[in-house]
Amino acid sequence: MRIRSTTILAVRRDSEVAIGGDGQVTLGDTAIKHGARKVRKIHNDKVLIGFAGSASDAITLYENLEKKLEQYRGNLQKSAVELAREWRSDRVLRQVDALLIAADASDSYLISGSGDVISPDDDVLAIGSGGSIALAAAKALLKYSDLTAKEIISESLQLTSEICIYTNAKIEVDTIEK
């Protein structure tokens, strides 16, 4: 059975960056967990991460990102690039089935096992089953509202939970300020 889970959304507005996610984990056609924690602060609370995919794989990735942040003294861009390089070339890590969004006070990145390190053009990133729905909602709210980054995430994920069967309304959002 394929495990499907989550929607993760990152939004940057003004001096605030926020990452949020829902809590649902689905196995086949059954929601088996409703309150999974998929957003975390790492590296002395200076970097936010959100992950989608296999939980154990995602935890492996965020632990490796934490090590890279220590190694490169908190430089998120260098750490993300080195994590993606290692992920792509390591025989064991290459089998990891997860995506990661990482953000600090100035940069945001989507990191994948195929070597992608993507920085958004418009301050919004989304991954997971409901990612495209959340991305569209967040872009509209960013353009047509004065909501904060945290409020945009909450509203976008709430809307996504009403459309995507792999996303629930048990939403967790965390922020950091410049």
Protein backbone atom coordinates (compact mmCIF):
# COMPACT_ATOMS: atom_id res chain seq x y z
CA MET A 1 0.00 0.00 0.00
CA ARG A 2 1.19 3.49 -0.82
CA ILE A 3 1.33 5.92 2.07
CA ARG A 4 0.04 9.33 1.09
CA SER A 5 0.17 12.25 3.34
CA THR A 6 0.29 15.90 3.75
CA THR A 7 0.41 19.31 2.32
CA ILE A 8 3.27 21.62 3.27
CA LEU A 9 3.20 25.32 2.39
CA ALA A 10 5.80 28.07 2.87
CA VAL A 11 5.04 31.78 2.49
CA ARG A 12 7.28 34.80 2.93
CA ARG A 13 5.74 38.24 3.42
CA ASP A 14 7.48 41.36 4.66
CA SER A 15 9.75 40.33 7.55
CA GLU A 16 7.94 37.05 8.31
CA VAL A 17 8.39 33.59 6.84
CA ALA A 18 5.96 30.83 7.77
CA ILE A 19 5.74 27.13 7.03
CA GLY A 20 2.63 25.13 7.74
CA GLY A 21 1.29 21.66 7.21
CA ASP A 22 -1.68 19.48 7.94
CA GLY A 23 -1.56 16.46 10.20
CA GLN A 24 -3.04 13.68 8.09
CA VAL A 25 -1.27 10.45 7.21
CA THR A 26 -3.14 8.09 4.90
CA LEU A 27 -2.51 4.42 4.22
CA GLY A 28 -4.46 3.26 1.18
CA ASP A 29 -7.97 4.61 1.58
CA THR A 30 -7.73 5.08 5.36
CA ALA A 31 -6.58 8.11 7.32
CA ILE A 32 -4.46 6.44 10.02
CA LYS A 33 -3.14 9.54 11.78
CA HIS A 34 -4.62 13.01 12.12
CA GLY A 35 -2.04 14.95 14.11
CA ALA A 36 1.34 14.18 12.58
CA ARG A 37 3.93 16.91 13.16
CA LYS A 38 5.50 17.81 9.83
CA VAL A 39 6.83 21.30 10.54
CA ARG A 40 9.80 21.99 12.80
CA LYS A 41 12.28 24.65 13.81
CA ILE A 42 15.89 23.52 13.67
CA HIS A 43 19.36 25.02 14.04
CA ASN A 44 18.69 27.07 17.18
CA ASP A 45 15.20 27.98 15.91
CA LYS A 46 16.68 29.91 12.96
CA VAL A 47 15.52 27.53 10.21
CA LEU A 48 12.00 26.26 9.56
CA ILE A 49 11.46 22.97 7.77
CA GLY A 50 8.43 21.12 6.49
CA PHE A 51 8.48 17.69 4.92
CA ALA A 52 6.26 15.47 2.83
CA GLY A 53 6.65 11.79 2.04
CA SER A 54 7.69 8.85 4.12
CA ALA A 55 8.05 9.98 7.75
CA SER A 56 11.23 8.04 8.47
CA ASP A 57 12.78 9.30 5.23
CA ALA A 58 11.79 12.87 6.00
CA ILE A 59 13.27 12.66 9.49
CA THR A 60 16.49 11.32 7.99
CA LEU A 61 16.59 14.31 5.64
CA TYR A 62 15.98 16.91 8.28
CA GLU A 63 18.63 15.36 10.54
CA ASN A 64 21.08 15.48 7.63
CA LEU A 65 20.12 19.11 6.92
CA GLU A 66 20.73 19.94 10.59
CA LYS A 67 24.22 18.42 10.31
CA LYS A 68 24.91 20.44 7.15
CA LEU A 69 23.75 23.62 8.89
CA GLU A 70 26.19 22.93 11.71
CA GLN A 71 28.97 22.16 9.22
CA TYR A 72 28.35 25.33 7.18
CA ARG A 73 27.65 27.60 10.19
CA GLY A 74 23.99 28.18 9.45
CA ASN A 75 24.37 28.97 5.74
CA LEU A 76 21.08 27.56 4.47
CA GLN A 77 21.88 27.87 0.77
CA LYS A 78 25.19 26.00 1.06
CA SER A 79 23.62 23.42 3.39
CA ALA A 80 20.69 22.81 1.02
CA VAL A 81 22.96 22.38 -1.99
CA GLU A 82 25.26 20.00 -0.14
CA LEU A 83 22.31 17.99 1.20
CA ALA A 84 20.84 17.67 -2.31
CA ARG A 85 24.24 16.66 -3.71
CA GLU A 86 24.71 14.02 -1.02
CA TRP A 87 21.10 12.85 -1.35
CA ARG A 88 21.46 12.36 -5.08
CA SER A 89 24.82 10.60 -5.00
CA ASP A 90 24.55 8.44 -1.85
CA ARG A 91 23.36 4.89 -2.60
CA VAL A 92 21.22 4.68 0.54
CA LEU A 93 19.90 8.26 0.58
CA ARG A 94 18.97 8.00 -3.11
CA GLN A 95 16.15 5.63 -2.07
CA VAL A 96 14.65 8.22 0.30
CA ASP A 97 11.05 9.07 -0.62
CA ALA A 98 10.45 12.58 0.69
CA LEU A 99 10.60 16.28 -0.16
CA LEU A 100 11.74 19.06 2.12
CA ILE A 101 11.08 22.78 2.31
CA ALA A 102 13.57 24.79 4.38
CA ALA A 103 13.46 28.52 5.13
CA ASP A 104 15.41 30.98 7.22
CA ALA A 105 15.01 34.74 7.70
CA SER A 106 16.12 35.48 4.13
CA ASP A 107 15.86 32.39 1.90
CA SER A 108 13.47 29.52 1.14
CA TYR A 109 14.27 26.28 -0.71
CA LEU A 110 12.52 23.17 -1.93
CA ILE A 111 15.01 20.29 -1.72
CA SER A 112 14.52 17.00 -3.56
CA GLY A 113 16.39 13.73 -3.96
CA SER A 114 16.89 14.32 -7.66
CA GLY A 115 19.28 17.14 -6.81
CA ASP A 116 16.81 20.03 -7.00
CA VAL A 117 17.35 23.04 -4.78
CA ILE A 118 14.64 25.46 -5.85
CA SER A 119 14.19 28.98 -4.57
CA PRO A 120 10.77 30.42 -5.47
CA ASP A 121 10.32 33.51 -7.64
CA ASP A 122 7.31 34.70 -5.68
CA ASP A 123 7.89 33.80 -2.02
CA VAL A 124 5.62 30.71 -2.04
CA LEU A 125 6.54 26.99 -2.05
CA ALA A 126 4.30 23.95 -1.64
CA ILE A 127 4.80 20.18 -1.61
CA GLY A 128 2.73 17.10 -0.93
CA SER A 129 -0.59 15.73 -2.07
CA GLY A 130 -2.43 19.03 -1.83
CA GLY A 131 0.55 21.18 -2.78
CA SER A 132 -0.84 22.59 -6.01
CA ILE A 133 -4.13 23.59 -4.34
CA ALA A 134 -2.34 25.26 -1.42
CA LEU A 135 0.09 26.98 -3.80
CA ALA A 136 -2.76 28.49 -5.85
CA ALA A 137 -4.64 29.66 -2.75
CA ALA A 138 -1.52 31.18 -1.19
CA LYS A 139 -0.57 33.02 -4.38
CA ALA A 140 -4.05 34.54 -4.61
CA LEU A 141 -4.06 35.56 -0.95
CA LEU A 142 -0.55 37.00 -1.23
CA LYS A 143 -1.61 39.06 -4.23
CA TYR A 144 -5.11 40.14 -3.16
CA SER A 145 -5.00 40.42 0.63
CA ASP A 146 -3.08 42.04 3.46
CA LEU A 147 -2.94 38.84 5.50
CA THR A 148 0.30 37.92 7.27
CA ALA A 149 2.34 34.95 6.07
CA LYS A 150 0.98 32.87 8.96
CA GLU A 151 -2.63 33.83 8.15
CA ILE A 152 -2.10 33.04 4.44
CA ILE A 153 -0.85 29.58 5.34
CA SER A 154 -3.77 28.90 7.69
CA GLU A 155 -6.38 30.01 5.15
CA SER A 156 -4.71 28.21 2.23
CA LEU A 157 -4.35 24.92 4.11
CA GLN A 158 -7.94 25.15 5.38
CA LEU A 159 -9.14 25.53 1.78
CA THR A 160 -6.87 22.68 0.68
CA SER A 161 -8.35 20.41 3.36
CA GLU A 162 -11.78 21.00 1.86
CA ILE A 163 -10.61 19.79 -1.57
CA CYS A 164 -7.73 17.30 -1.14
CA ILE A 165 -8.67 13.98 0.49
CA TYR A 166 -5.07 13.54 1.69
CA THR A 167 -5.08 16.82 3.64
CA ASN A 168 -6.94 17.50 6.88
CA ALA A 169 -7.79 20.66 8.80
CA LYS A 170 -5.50 19.93 11.75
CA ILE A 171 -3.08 22.65 10.70
CA GLU A 172 0.24 23.54 12.28
CA VAL A 173 2.03 26.78 11.35
CA ASP A 174 5.34 28.09 12.60
CA THR A 175 7.10 31.36 11.82
CA ILE A 176 10.39 33.18 12.08
CA GLU A 177 11.02 36.91 11.71
CA LYS A 178 13.92 38.77 10.11
